[in-house]
Amino acid sequence: MQSAYANTDVKKFKVAAVSSNANSFGLRGMVVVARDGEAWELAANSLNVKSAGESVIAKITLDDDKNRTGIQWGTYELPRQLPSAPKAVVAEIWK
């Protein structure tokens, strides 16, 4: 019997930008970018907000053929996938 966690992986993102203000719920926006250019906008409360350059880890759910079926952000809220970051932006964030 397979573990419930057998088809998971993790992916590391770095914080590219953090909003200077909070929304009406007190959440601040963060843009995170992976080494391959995958980019997301996330929201974080004051306890979980990261600074530019810090890492964020996402849990990736995979099917039996290792295709992504989901992504979980833990304590981060309101995930919204963005267009892939240009190579020059990725290089600057990951230098």
C-alpha atoms as a PDB file:
ATOM      1  CA  MET A   1       0.000   0.000   0.000  1.00  0.00           C
ATOM      2  CA  GLN A   2       1.361   3.394  -0.988  1.00  0.00           C
ATOM      3  CA  SER A   3       1.696   6.210   1.470  1.00  0.00           C
ATOM      4  CA  ALA A   4      -0.710   9.117   1.087  1.00  0.00           C
ATOM      5  CA  TYR A   5       2.398  11.221   0.462  1.00  0.00           C
ATOM      6  CA  ALA A   6       4.047   8.932  -2.108  1.00  0.00           C
ATOM      7  CA  ASN A   7       3.102  11.134  -5.066  1.00  0.00           C
ATOM      8  CA  THR A   8       4.347  14.466  -3.811  1.00  0.00           C
ATOM      9  CA  ASP A   9       7.357  16.620  -4.465  1.00  0.00           C
ATOM     10  CA  VAL A  10       8.506  20.078  -3.435  1.00  0.00           C
ATOM     11  CA  LYS A  11       9.524  23.078  -5.492  1.00  0.00           C
ATOM     12  CA  LYS A  12      11.591  26.011  -4.303  1.00  0.00           C
ATOM     13  CA  PHE A  13      10.618  29.576  -5.190  1.00  0.00           C
ATOM     14  CA  LYS A  14      12.317  32.837  -4.289  1.00  0.00           C
ATOM     15  CA  VAL A  15      10.467  36.005  -3.348  1.00  0.00           C
ATOM     16  CA  ALA A  16      10.930  38.568  -6.118  1.00  0.00           C
ATOM     17  CA  ALA A  17       8.785  41.364  -4.667  1.00  0.00           C
ATOM     18  CA  VAL A  18       6.648  42.188  -1.643  1.00  0.00           C
ATOM     19  CA  SER A  19       3.879  44.781  -1.542  1.00  0.00           C
ATOM     20  CA  SER A  20       4.470  47.756   0.717  1.00  0.00           C
ATOM     21  CA  ASN A  21       0.828  47.894   1.811  1.00  0.00           C
ATOM     22  CA  ALA A  22      -1.722  45.358   3.056  1.00  0.00           C
ATOM     23  CA  ASN A  23      -5.182  44.572   1.722  1.00  0.00           C
ATOM     24  CA  SER A  24      -8.354  45.004   3.803  1.00  0.00           C
ATOM     25  CA  PHE A  25      -7.663  41.661   5.531  1.00  0.00           C
ATOM     26  CA  GLY A  26      -4.117  42.653   6.510  1.00  0.00           C
ATOM     27  CA  LEU A  27      -2.458  40.462   3.885  1.00  0.00           C
ATOM     28  CA  ARG A  28       0.557  41.600   1.882  1.00  0.00           C
ATOM     29  CA  GLY A  29       1.221  40.425  -1.646  1.00  0.00           C
ATOM     30  CA  MET A  30       4.351  38.540  -2.649  1.00  0.00           C
ATOM     31  CA  VAL A  31       5.545  37.500  -6.101  1.00  0.00           C
ATOM     32  CA  VAL A  32       7.550  34.283  -6.067  1.00  0.00           C
ATOM     33  CA  VAL A  33       9.596  32.844  -8.951  1.00  0.00           C
ATOM     34  CA  ALA A  34      11.082  29.361  -9.422  1.00  0.00           C
ATOM     35  CA  ARG A  35      14.404  28.703 -11.117  1.00  0.00           C
ATOM     36  CA  ASP A  36      12.502  27.545 -14.239  1.00  0.00           C
ATOM     37  CA  GLY A  37      10.563  30.849 -14.407  1.00  0.00           C
ATOM     38  CA  GLU A  38       7.265  29.630 -12.965  1.00  0.00           C
ATOM     39  CA  ALA A  39       5.770  32.612 -11.123  1.00  0.00           C
ATOM     40  CA  TRP A  40       2.964  33.067  -8.608  1.00  0.00           C
ATOM     41  CA  GLU A  41       1.399  35.870  -6.616  1.00  0.00           C
ATOM     42  CA  LEU A  42       0.654  34.911  -3.006  1.00  0.00           C
ATOM     43  CA  ALA A  43      -0.781  36.713   0.001  1.00  0.00           C
ATOM     44  CA  ALA A  44       0.698  36.460   3.491  1.00  0.00           C
ATOM     45  CA  ASN A  45      -0.186  37.766   6.921  1.00  0.00           C
ATOM     46  CA  SER A  46       2.346  39.691   8.995  1.00  0.00           C
ATOM     47  CA  LEU A  47       3.618  36.488  10.638  1.00  0.00           C
ATOM     48  CA  ASN A  48       4.336  34.716   7.347  1.00  0.00           C
ATOM     49  CA  VAL A  49       5.354  37.451   4.911  1.00  0.00           C
ATOM     50  CA  LYS A  50       8.868  36.977   3.524  1.00  0.00           C
ATOM     51  CA  SER A  51      11.403  39.504   2.295  1.00  0.00           C
ATOM     52  CA  ALA A  52      12.694  39.700  -1.267  1.00  0.00           C
ATOM     53  CA  GLY A  53      15.293  36.996  -1.847  1.00  0.00           C
ATOM     54  CA  GLU A  54      13.936  34.602   0.785  1.00  0.00           C
ATOM     55  CA  SER A  55      12.770  31.119  -0.196  1.00  0.00           C
ATOM     56  CA  VAL A  56       9.252  29.693  -0.251  1.00  0.00           C
ATOM     57  CA  ILE A  57       8.628  25.961  -0.660  1.00  0.00           C
ATOM     58  CA  ALA A  58       5.514  24.633  -2.399  1.00  0.00           C
ATOM     59  CA  LYS A  59       4.250  21.064  -2.104  1.00  0.00           C
ATOM     60  CA  ILE A  60       3.499  19.585  -5.520  1.00  0.00           C
ATOM     61  CA  THR A  61       0.967  16.759  -5.900  1.00  0.00           C
ATOM     62  CA  LEU A  62       1.673  14.308  -8.729  1.00  0.00           C
ATOM     63  CA  ASP A  63      -0.357  11.614 -10.455  1.00  0.00           C
ATOM     64  CA  ASP A  64       1.022   8.108 -11.098  1.00  0.00           C
ATOM     65  CA  ASP A  65       2.744   9.349 -14.274  1.00  0.00           C
ATOM     66  CA  LYS A  66       4.478  12.176 -12.337  1.00  0.00           C
ATOM     67  CA  ASN A  67       2.297  14.892 -13.903  1.00  0.00           C
ATOM     68  CA  ARG A  68       1.409  17.779 -11.608  1.00  0.00           C
ATOM     69  CA  THR A  69      -2.138  17.643 -10.326  1.00  0.00           C
ATOM     70  CA  GLY A  70      -1.932  20.311  -7.644  1.00  0.00           C
ATOM     71  CA  ILE A  71       0.202  22.763  -5.731  1.00  0.00           C
ATOM     72  CA  GLN A  72      -0.134  23.619  -2.045  1.00  0.00           C
ATOM     73  CA  TRP A  73       1.288  26.760  -0.502  1.00  0.00           C
ATOM     74  CA  GLY A  74       0.917  26.002   3.210  1.00  0.00           C
ATOM     75  CA  THR A  75       0.308  29.233   5.143  1.00  0.00           C
ATOM     76  CA  TYR A  76       0.096  31.437   2.044  1.00  0.00           C
ATOM     77  CA  GLU A  77      -3.276  32.523   0.686  1.00  0.00           C
ATOM     78  CA  LEU A  78      -4.941  33.602  -2.566  1.00  0.00           C
ATOM     79  CA  PRO A  79      -2.463  31.945  -4.967  1.00  0.00           C
ATOM     80  CA  ARG A  80      -2.629  33.220  -8.533  1.00  0.00           C
ATOM     81  CA  GLN A  81      -0.358  31.882 -11.234  1.00  0.00           C
ATOM     82  CA  LEU A  82       1.388  34.551 -13.285  1.00  0.00           C
ATOM     83  CA  PRO A  83       2.971  34.321 -16.733  1.00  0.00           C
ATOM     84  CA  SER A  84       6.446  32.817 -16.662  1.00  0.00           C
ATOM     85  CA  ALA A  85       9.153  35.283 -15.691  1.00  0.00           C
ATOM     86  CA  PRO A  86      11.611  36.319 -18.432  1.00  0.00           C
ATOM     87  CA  LYS A  87      15.033  34.633 -18.296  1.00  0.00           C
ATOM     88  CA  ALA A  88      16.764  37.894 -17.331  1.00  0.00           C
ATOM     89  CA  VAL A  89      14.416  38.320 -14.353  1.00  0.00           C
ATOM     90  CA  VAL A  90      14.969  34.716 -13.238  1.00  0.00           C
ATOM     91  CA  ALA A  91      18.745  35.185 -13.482  1.00  0.00           C
ATOM     92  CA  GLU A  92      18.574  38.330 -11.324  1.00  0.00           C
ATOM     93  CA  ILE A  93      16.396  36.706  -8.654  1.00  0.00           C
ATOM     94  CA  TRP A  94      18.438  33.486  -8.493  1.00  0.00           C
ATOM     95  CA  LYS A  95      21.944  35.011  -8.676  1.00  0.00           C
END
